[in-house]
């Protein structure tokens, strides 16, 4: 099957859903192509990371490693995180003539245009959506949602297109009006060939950074902005923990905005040891998790949850609907939203657990990933939906 992935902000060095999905589909023998944008450094997602100085080389390495073709199409720029493509991208899709088109994030401007021009494209289409209701913060979101429900949702319903929810959240049902029977949930996952426990790497990393074997290491990976709770994280580690073990925080994330620099200033005042590293390429991440004992997400949720759990790390995260479902398996703890005291108490509790109890938590984490969220399982669910859409399209074409 020739699968075309449409993703406005693909970066080959990140560990987003499309990076893994395209890779695993190619391993299964499918012909996989990714259409995405040029000028990737203009997108805020890659601020301080993605740039045109190395993107061609990174694309080439990804293509060579996985057998996936990457095509970058010209854009005018990015406005309010929305990519504005130059004219001609619909023609490029039609010329490629894939067996199926997978549009990542159905409420981007280009995905909306693809939905509106489905008769011209004349091919099977599957969409997904990554948005959470708690993360929808654009001041114009209500106007956009009204527009979408009025002019786009009817097209989705008419064609009975599948819009996959990558989060167990009803944002696209409640806010975009898409019926639940068209929105199956398929979560993010992880590649356990990369992310898994490794005691040798743990020893080596700790020796390189002068971290004693009995020190309790907490890791945070991600942006240090307000949305992700940067100051809550920093303030949680400001005062010394009342624990027999020293507690060290590893932070992976760049500091570029004024808010993030304020977070860094709080880190500098911490009475606990804090090791900061810049944002890492996906394939360089495992050693940081493997060297740690606990992963923390101070606000909202993160797809890094799956990588951390695959490495055997229990998780402490904000108590919200997504994290409650993720931590139903004795694989971590949620703390009260925004509650600095409760966050510190959960970290302290983990650091004081006996070895047997903590070992059980770690085993539960890796088992949870292996049985539910390992990427071969995720890829099959996606590809089955794509195949079903192809069969449905071919059946409707024959009837005509």
Protein backbone atom coordinates (compact mmCIF):
# COMPACT_ATOMS: atom_id res chain seq x y z
CA UNK A 1 0.00 0.00 0.00
CA UNK A 2 1.27 3.48 -0.87
CA UNK A 3 0.64 5.63 2.23
CA UNK A 4 0.96 9.41 2.10
CA UNK A 5 1.30 11.12 5.49
CA UNK A 6 0.40 14.82 5.50
CA UNK A 7 2.00 16.60 8.46
CA UNK A 8 2.60 20.34 8.56
CA UNK A 9 5.52 20.27 11.00
CA UNK A 10 7.49 17.06 10.61
CA UNK A 11 11.01 17.02 12.05
CA UNK A 12 13.00 13.78 11.59
CA UNK A 13 14.88 14.16 14.90
CA UNK A 14 11.78 14.37 17.09
CA UNK A 15 9.86 11.45 18.54
CA UNK A 16 6.38 12.48 17.53
CA UNK A 17 3.70 10.05 16.43
CA UNK A 18 4.38 10.38 12.70
CA UNK A 19 8.12 9.69 13.13
CA UNK A 20 7.39 6.28 14.59
CA UNK A 21 4.27 5.42 12.61
CA UNK A 22 5.89 6.01 9.20
CA UNK A 23 8.97 4.07 10.30
CA UNK A 24 7.01 1.00 11.45
CA UNK A 25 4.73 1.04 8.41
CA UNK A 26 7.77 1.03 6.13
CA UNK A 27 9.14 -1.94 8.09
CA UNK A 28 5.93 -3.79 7.21
CA UNK A 29 6.66 -3.30 3.50
CA UNK A 30 4.41 -0.35 2.74
CA UNK A 31 5.60 2.49 0.50
CA UNK A 32 5.54 5.49 2.84
CA UNK A 33 5.87 9.16 1.87
CA UNK A 34 5.69 12.21 4.13
CA UNK A 35 4.57 15.57 2.72
CA UNK A 36 5.47 18.42 5.04
CA UNK A 37 6.60 22.06 5.05
CA UNK A 38 9.89 23.76 4.39
CA UNK A 39 11.09 26.66 6.60
CA UNK A 40 10.52 24.39 9.58
CA UNK A 41 12.37 26.75 11.91
CA UNK A 42 9.44 29.18 11.62
CA UNK A 43 7.14 26.85 13.52
CA UNK A 44 7.05 27.55 17.31
CA UNK A 45 7.08 23.80 18.05
CA UNK A 46 10.71 23.70 16.95
CA UNK A 47 11.83 26.99 18.45
CA UNK A 48 15.49 26.68 19.35
CA UNK A 49 15.77 23.22 17.82
CA UNK A 50 14.69 22.74 14.20
CA UNK A 51 16.53 24.80 11.60
CA UNK A 52 17.31 24.80 7.90
CA UNK A 53 21.05 24.46 8.51
CA UNK A 54 20.72 20.76 9.22
CA UNK A 55 17.20 19.75 8.19
CA UNK A 56 18.20 18.41 4.76
CA UNK A 57 20.87 16.24 6.33
CA UNK A 58 18.45 15.05 9.02
CA UNK A 59 15.86 14.24 6.34
CA UNK A 60 18.43 12.25 4.39
CA UNK A 61 19.47 10.24 7.46
CA UNK A 62 15.84 9.44 8.28
CA UNK A 63 15.12 8.39 4.68
CA UNK A 64 18.19 6.17 4.55
CA UNK A 65 17.50 4.54 7.90
CA UNK A 66 13.80 3.80 7.44
CA UNK A 67 13.12 3.84 3.70
CA UNK A 68 10.58 6.66 4.08
CA UNK A 69 10.48 9.44 1.46
CA UNK A 70 10.24 13.04 2.78
CA UNK A 71 8.96 15.82 0.50
CA UNK A 72 9.06 19.42 1.74
CA UNK A 73 6.61 21.85 0.15
CA UNK A 74 6.97 25.65 0.11
CA UNK A 75 5.08 27.78 2.62
CA UNK A 76 4.49 31.50 3.05
CA UNK A 77 5.04 31.24 6.80
CA UNK A 78 3.35 30.43 10.10
CA UNK A 79 0.61 32.54 11.68
CA UNK A 80 -0.68 31.65 15.16
CA UNK A 81 0.94 28.20 14.83
CA UNK A 82 -0.90 27.67 11.52
CA UNK A 83 1.20 26.85 8.45
CA UNK A 84 0.23 28.81 5.32
CA UNK A 85 1.17 26.75 2.26
CA UNK A 86 1.89 28.22 -1.12
CA UNK A 87 -0.46 27.29 -3.95
CA UNK A 88 0.06 23.87 -5.53
CA UNK A 89 0.13 21.43 -2.60
CA UNK A 90 -3.22 19.88 -3.54
CA UNK A 91 -1.93 19.22 -7.04
CA UNK A 92 1.17 17.54 -5.57
CA UNK A 93 -1.02 15.20 -3.53
CA UNK A 94 -3.12 14.32 -6.58
CA UNK A 95 -0.03 13.72 -8.75
CA UNK A 96 1.43 11.29 -6.20
CA UNK A 97 -1.82 9.27 -6.35
CA UNK A 98 -1.38 7.38 -3.05
CA UNK A 99 -3.61 4.49 -2.04
CA UNK A 100 -4.57 6.44 1.06
CA UNK A 101 -3.90 9.87 2.56
CA UNK A 102 -3.33 10.19 6.32
CA UNK A 103 -3.79 13.80 7.48
CA UNK A 104 -2.24 14.45 10.89
CA UNK A 105 -4.27 16.99 12.86
CA UNK A 106 -7.57 17.52 11.07
CA UNK A 107 -8.05 21.14 12.15
CA UNK A 108 -4.97 22.67 10.51
CA UNK A 109 -5.66 25.02 7.60
CA UNK A 110 -4.24 22.58 5.06
CA UNK A 111 -6.24 19.63 6.43
CA UNK A 112 -9.40 21.73 6.27
CA UNK A 113 -8.62 22.58 2.65
CA UNK A 114 -7.96 18.90 1.86
CA UNK A 115 -11.36 18.01 3.35
CA UNK A 116 -13.07 20.71 1.31
CA UNK A 117 -11.34 19.59 -1.91
CA UNK A 118 -11.93 15.85 -1.46
CA UNK A 119 -13.78 15.54 -4.79
CA UNK A 120 -10.78 16.96 -6.66
CA UNK A 121 -8.36 14.66 -4.83
CA UNK A 122 -10.62 11.60 -5.24
CA UNK A 123 -8.80 9.29 -2.83
CA UNK A 124 -9.35 7.64 0.57
CA UNK A 125 -8.61 9.98 3.50
CA UNK A 126 -8.10 9.34 7.22
CA UNK A 127 -7.56 12.13 9.74
CA UNK A 128 -6.36 12.32 13.31
CA UNK A 129 -6.41 14.97 16.02
CA UNK A 130 -3.96 15.56 18.86
CA UNK A 131 -5.74 18.36 20.70
CA UNK A 132 -6.97 18.26 24.29
CA UNK A 133 -9.75 20.47 25.60
CA UNK A 134 -7.47 21.57 28.46
CA UNK A 135 -4.78 22.61 25.95
CA UNK A 136 -7.05 24.65 23.66
CA UNK A 137 -6.03 28.18 24.64
CA UNK A 138 -6.10 30.28 21.47
CA UNK A 139 -8.19 33.41 22.21
CA UNK A 140 -10.05 32.91 18.91
CA UNK A 141 -10.76 29.23 19.53
CA UNK A 142 -14.52 29.70 19.98
CA UNK A 143 -14.85 31.45 16.61
CA UNK A 144 -12.70 28.80 14.95
CA UNK A 145 -14.77 25.98 16.46
CA UNK A 146 -18.00 27.59 15.22
CA UNK A 147 -16.51 27.85 11.72
CA UNK A 148 -15.31 24.24 11.81
CA UNK A 149 -18.64 22.85 13.00
CA UNK A 150 -20.48 24.85 10.33
CA UNK A 151 -18.29 24.26 7.26
CA UNK A 152 -15.98 21.29 7.88
CA UNK A 153 -17.73 18.86 10.21
CA UNK A 154 -20.65 18.34 7.76
CA UNK A 155 -18.13 17.19 5.11
CA UNK A 156 -16.54 14.76 7.58
CA UNK A 157 -19.94 13.36 8.52
CA UNK A 158 -21.13 13.13 4.89
CA UNK A 159 -18.06 11.10 3.88
CA UNK A 160 -18.06 9.06 7.10
CA UNK A 161 -14.32 9.77 7.48
CA UNK A 162 -12.46 8.44 10.48
CA UNK A 163 -10.82 11.05 12.73
CA UNK A 164 -8.55 9.20 15.16
CA UNK A 165 -8.24 10.66 18.66
CA UNK A 166 -4.64 10.32 19.82
CA UNK A 167 -5.70 11.40 23.32
CA UNK A 168 -8.49 9.85 25.37
CA UNK A 169 -10.31 13.17 25.38
CA UNK A 170 -13.58 14.35 23.80
CA UNK A 171 -12.28 17.64 22.39
CA UNK A 172 -13.18 16.84 18.77
CA UNK A 173 -16.61 15.57 19.78
CA UNK A 174 -17.54 18.42 22.13
CA UNK A 175 -15.77 21.31 20.41
CA UNK A 176 -15.76 20.29 16.73
CA UNK A 177 -19.01 18.33 16.70
CA UNK A 178 -17.65 15.15 15.11
CA UNK A 179 -19.73 12.07 16.08
CA UNK A 180 -18.13 9.63 18.51
CA UNK A 181 -18.64 6.67 16.17
CA UNK A 182 -16.20 8.33 13.74
CA UNK A 183 -13.51 9.07 16.33
CA UNK A 184 -11.76 5.91 17.58
CA UNK A 185 -9.05 6.37 20.21
CA UNK A 186 -5.54 5.17 19.38
CA UNK A 187 -2.97 6.46 21.83
CA UNK A 188 0.59 7.51 21.33
CA UNK A 189 3.13 4.81 22.10
CA UNK A 190 6.86 4.21 22.17
CA UNK A 191 9.60 2.19 20.49
CA UNK A 192 10.76 -0.33 23.09
CA UNK A 193 13.78 -1.27 20.99
CA UNK A 194 15.06 2.18 22.02
CA UNK A 195 13.32 2.81 25.33
CA UNK A 196 13.84 0.03 27.88
CA UNK A 197 15.62 -0.37 31.24
CA UNK A 198 19.42 -0.70 31.02
CA UNK A 199 21.45 -0.92 34.22
CA UNK A 200 24.79 -0.67 32.41
CA UNK A 201 23.83 2.61 30.74
CA UNK A 202 22.53 3.82 34.10
CA UNK A 203 25.87 3.12 35.78
CA UNK A 204 27.84 4.72 32.95
CA UNK A 205 25.71 7.89 32.83
CA UNK A 206 25.83 8.35 36.60
CA UNK A 207 29.58 7.84 36.67
CA UNK A 208 30.04 10.45 33.91
CA UNK A 209 27.97 13.00 35.84
CA UNK A 210 29.17 12.13 39.35
CA UNK A 211 25.78 10.84 40.53
CA UNK A 212 26.09 8.20 43.31
CA UNK A 213 24.29 4.93 42.67
CA UNK A 214 22.04 5.43 45.72
CA UNK A 215 20.96 8.96 44.78
CA UNK A 216 17.30 9.34 43.79
CA UNK A 217 17.11 10.92 40.31
CA UNK A 218 13.99 12.61 38.98
CA UNK A 219 13.76 13.57 35.31
CA UNK A 220 11.72 16.19 33.46
CA UNK A 221 11.75 16.37 29.65
CA UNK A 222 9.91 19.06 27.73
CA UNK A 223 9.29 22.75 27.51
CA UNK A 224 9.78 24.87 30.61
CA UNK A 225 6.98 27.27 29.75
CA UNK A 226 3.93 28.22 31.81
CA UNK A 227 1.63 25.78 30.00
CA UNK A 228 3.82 22.85 31.08
CA UNK A 229 4.25 24.14 34.64
CA UNK A 230 7.87 25.31 34.49
CA UNK A 231 7.77 27.37 37.70
CA UNK A 232 5.82 24.70 39.56
CA UNK A 233 8.60 22.26 38.70
CA UNK A 234 11.36 24.68 39.71
CA UNK A 235 9.69 25.65 42.99
CA UNK A 236 9.10 21.99 43.85
CA UNK A 237 12.88 21.51 43.89
CA UNK A 238 13.80 24.83 45.48
CA UNK A 239 13.89 23.57 49.07
CA UNK A 240 15.81 20.50 50.26
CA UNK A 241 13.74 17.31 50.51
CA UNK A 242 13.53 15.65 53.92
CA UNK A 243 14.83 12.32 52.66
CA UNK A 244 17.71 10.05 53.58
CA UNK A 245 18.62 10.02 49.90
CA UNK A 246 19.84 13.05 48.02
CA UNK A 247 17.32 13.94 45.31
CA UNK A 248 18.69 15.17 41.98
CA UNK A 249 16.64 16.65 39.14
CA UNK A 250 17.63 16.16 35.50
CA UNK A 251 16.00 18.70 33.18
CA UNK A 252 15.98 18.38 29.39
CA UNK A 253 14.70 21.53 27.74
CA UNK A 254 15.81 24.83 26.27
CA UNK A 255 15.25 28.20 27.96
CA UNK A 256 14.50 30.94 25.42
CA UNK A 257 11.50 32.97 26.63
CA UNK A 258 11.50 35.36 29.60
CA UNK A 259 9.33 32.93 31.56
CA UNK A 260 11.73 30.05 30.91
CA UNK A 261 14.67 32.18 32.00
CA UNK A 262 12.84 32.94 35.25
CA UNK A 263 12.41 29.19 35.71
CA UNK A 264 16.14 28.75 35.22
CA UNK A 265 16.84 31.41 37.85
CA UNK A 266 14.78 29.43 40.37
CA UNK A 267 16.78 26.32 39.45
CA UNK A 268 19.98 28.20 40.28
CA UNK A 269 18.65 28.87 43.80
CA UNK A 270 17.73 25.24 44.43
CA UNK A 271 19.08 23.46 47.50
CA UNK A 272 18.92 20.20 45.53
CA UNK A 273 21.26 19.27 42.70
CA UNK A 274 19.85 20.12 39.26
CA UNK A 275 21.48 19.03 36.01
CA UNK A 276 20.25 20.88 32.92
CA UNK A 277 20.67 19.65 29.35
CA UNK A 278 19.39 21.18 26.10
CA UNK A 279 16.56 19.60 24.13
CA UNK A 280 17.78 16.27 22.78
CA UNK A 281 17.24 14.41 19.54
CA UNK A 282 14.85 11.50 19.97
CA UNK A 283 17.49 8.81 19.62
CA UNK A 284 19.66 10.44 22.31
CA UNK A 285 16.88 10.45 24.91
CA UNK A 286 16.89 6.86 26.26
CA UNK A 287 20.07 7.17 28.35
CA UNK A 288 18.58 10.06 30.35
CA UNK A 289 15.53 8.00 31.31
CA UNK A 290 17.61 4.89 31.91
CA UNK A 291 19.77 6.81 34.40
CA UNK A 292 16.75 8.06 36.38
CA UNK A 293 14.36 6.72 39.00
CA UNK A 294 11.23 8.80 38.50
CA UNK A 295 9.68 10.89 35.70
CA UNK A 296 7.66 14.00 36.48
CA UNK A 297 5.07 16.02 34.51
CA UNK A 298 4.04 19.08 36.54
CA UNK A 299 1.21 20.23 34.25
CA UNK A 300 -1.04 18.80 31.53
CA UNK A 301 0.32 15.57 30.01
CA UNK A 302 3.01 14.48 27.59
CA UNK A 303 3.72 11.77 25.04
CA UNK A 304 7.10 11.44 26.82
CA UNK A 305 5.10 9.51 29.43
CA UNK A 306 5.32 6.39 27.24
CA UNK A 307 9.09 6.65 26.76
CA UNK A 308 9.64 7.10 30.50
CA UNK A 309 7.42 4.15 31.43
CA UNK A 310 9.09 1.94 28.82
CA UNK A 311 12.38 2.60 30.63
CA UNK A 312 10.82 1.42 33.88
CA UNK A 313 10.19 4.83 35.41
CA UNK A 314 7.16 5.40 37.62
CA UNK A 315 5.50 8.73 36.86
CA UNK A 316 4.29 11.61 39.02
CA UNK A 317 1.88 13.82 37.08
CA UNK A 318 -0.90 16.37 37.40
CA UNK A 319 -4.31 14.92 38.30
CA UNK A 320 -6.34 15.33 35.10
CA UNK A 321 -8.53 13.03 33.01
CA UNK A 322 -5.67 11.83 30.78
CA UNK A 323 -3.18 11.13 33.57
CA UNK A 324 -5.78 9.44 35.75
CA UNK A 325 -6.39 6.88 33.01
CA UNK A 326 -2.67 6.40 32.40
CA UNK A 327 -1.89 5.70 36.05
CA UNK A 328 -4.60 3.17 36.82
CA UNK A 329 -2.14 0.29 36.89
CA UNK A 330 -0.04 0.97 40.01
CA UNK A 331 2.56 2.55 37.71
CA UNK A 332 2.79 6.01 39.27
CA UNK A 333 0.99 8.77 41.19
CA UNK A 334 -1.02 11.88 40.42
CA UNK A 335 -0.83 15.02 42.55
CA UNK A 336 -3.44 17.75 43.00
CA UNK A 337 -3.35 20.23 40.12
CA UNK A 338 -1.06 23.16 40.89
CA UNK A 339 -0.45 21.98 44.46
CA UNK A 340 3.25 22.49 45.19
CA UNK A 341 3.03 20.77 48.59
CA UNK A 342 1.33 17.66 47.18
CA UNK A 343 3.81 17.47 44.30
CA UNK A 344 6.75 17.52 46.74
CA UNK A 345 5.03 14.95 48.95
CA UNK A 346 4.59 12.55 46.02
CA UNK A 347 8.27 12.90 45.05
CA UNK A 348 9.34 12.41 48.66
CA UNK A 349 7.06 9.38 49.05
CA UNK A 350 8.64 7.74 45.98
CA UNK A 351 12.16 8.42 47.24
CA UNK A 352 11.34 6.69 50.58
CA UNK A 353 9.72 3.56 49.17
CA UNK A 354 11.40 0.27 49.97
CA UNK A 355 13.23 -1.50 47.14
CA UNK A 356 10.64 -4.25 46.71
CA UNK A 357 7.67 -1.85 46.44
CA UNK A 358 9.52 0.43 44.06
CA UNK A 359 10.65 -2.51 41.93
CA UNK A 360 7.00 -3.50 41.58
CA UNK A 361 6.10 0.00 40.38
CA UNK A 362 8.86 -0.19 37.76
CA UNK A 363 7.73 -3.63 36.58
CA UNK A 364 4.16 -2.37 36.27
CA UNK A 365 5.37 0.53 34.12
CA UNK A 366 7.24 -1.64 31.59
CA UNK A 367 4.43 -4.23 31.53
CA UNK A 368 1.85 -1.51 30.86
CA UNK A 369 3.82 -0.31 27.83
CA UNK A 370 4.64 -3.76 26.45
CA UNK A 371 1.05 -4.93 26.56
CA UNK A 372 -0.65 -1.74 25.34
CA UNK A 373 1.60 0.93 23.84
CA UNK A 374 4.55 -0.72 22.08
CA UNK A 375 4.63 0.74 18.57
CA UNK A 376 4.14 -2.49 16.60
CA UNK A 377 0.73 -2.67 18.31
CA UNK A 378 -0.01 0.99 17.58
CA UNK A 379 1.08 0.71 13.93
CA UNK A 380 -1.25 -2.24 13.33
CA UNK A 381 -4.25 -0.32 14.65
CA UNK A 382 -3.52 2.64 12.38
CA UNK A 383 -2.79 0.55 9.31
CA UNK A 384 -5.96 -1.51 9.80
CA UNK A 385 -8.00 1.71 9.71
CA UNK A 386 -6.17 2.88 6.57
CA UNK A 387 -6.81 -0.46 4.85
CA UNK A 388 -10.46 -0.33 5.85
CA UNK A 389 -10.76 3.18 4.37
CA UNK A 390 -9.22 1.97 1.10
CA UNK A 391 -11.69 -0.92 0.91
CA UNK A 392 -14.60 1.38 1.71
CA UNK A 393 -13.49 3.86 -0.98
CA UNK A 394 -13.04 1.15 -3.61
CA UNK A 395 -16.48 -0.24 -2.76
CA UNK A 396 -18.16 3.14 -3.15
CA UNK A 397 -16.30 3.76 -6.43
CA UNK A 398 -17.54 0.44 -7.89
CA UNK A 399 -21.12 1.31 -6.97
CA UNK A 400 -20.83 4.49 -9.02
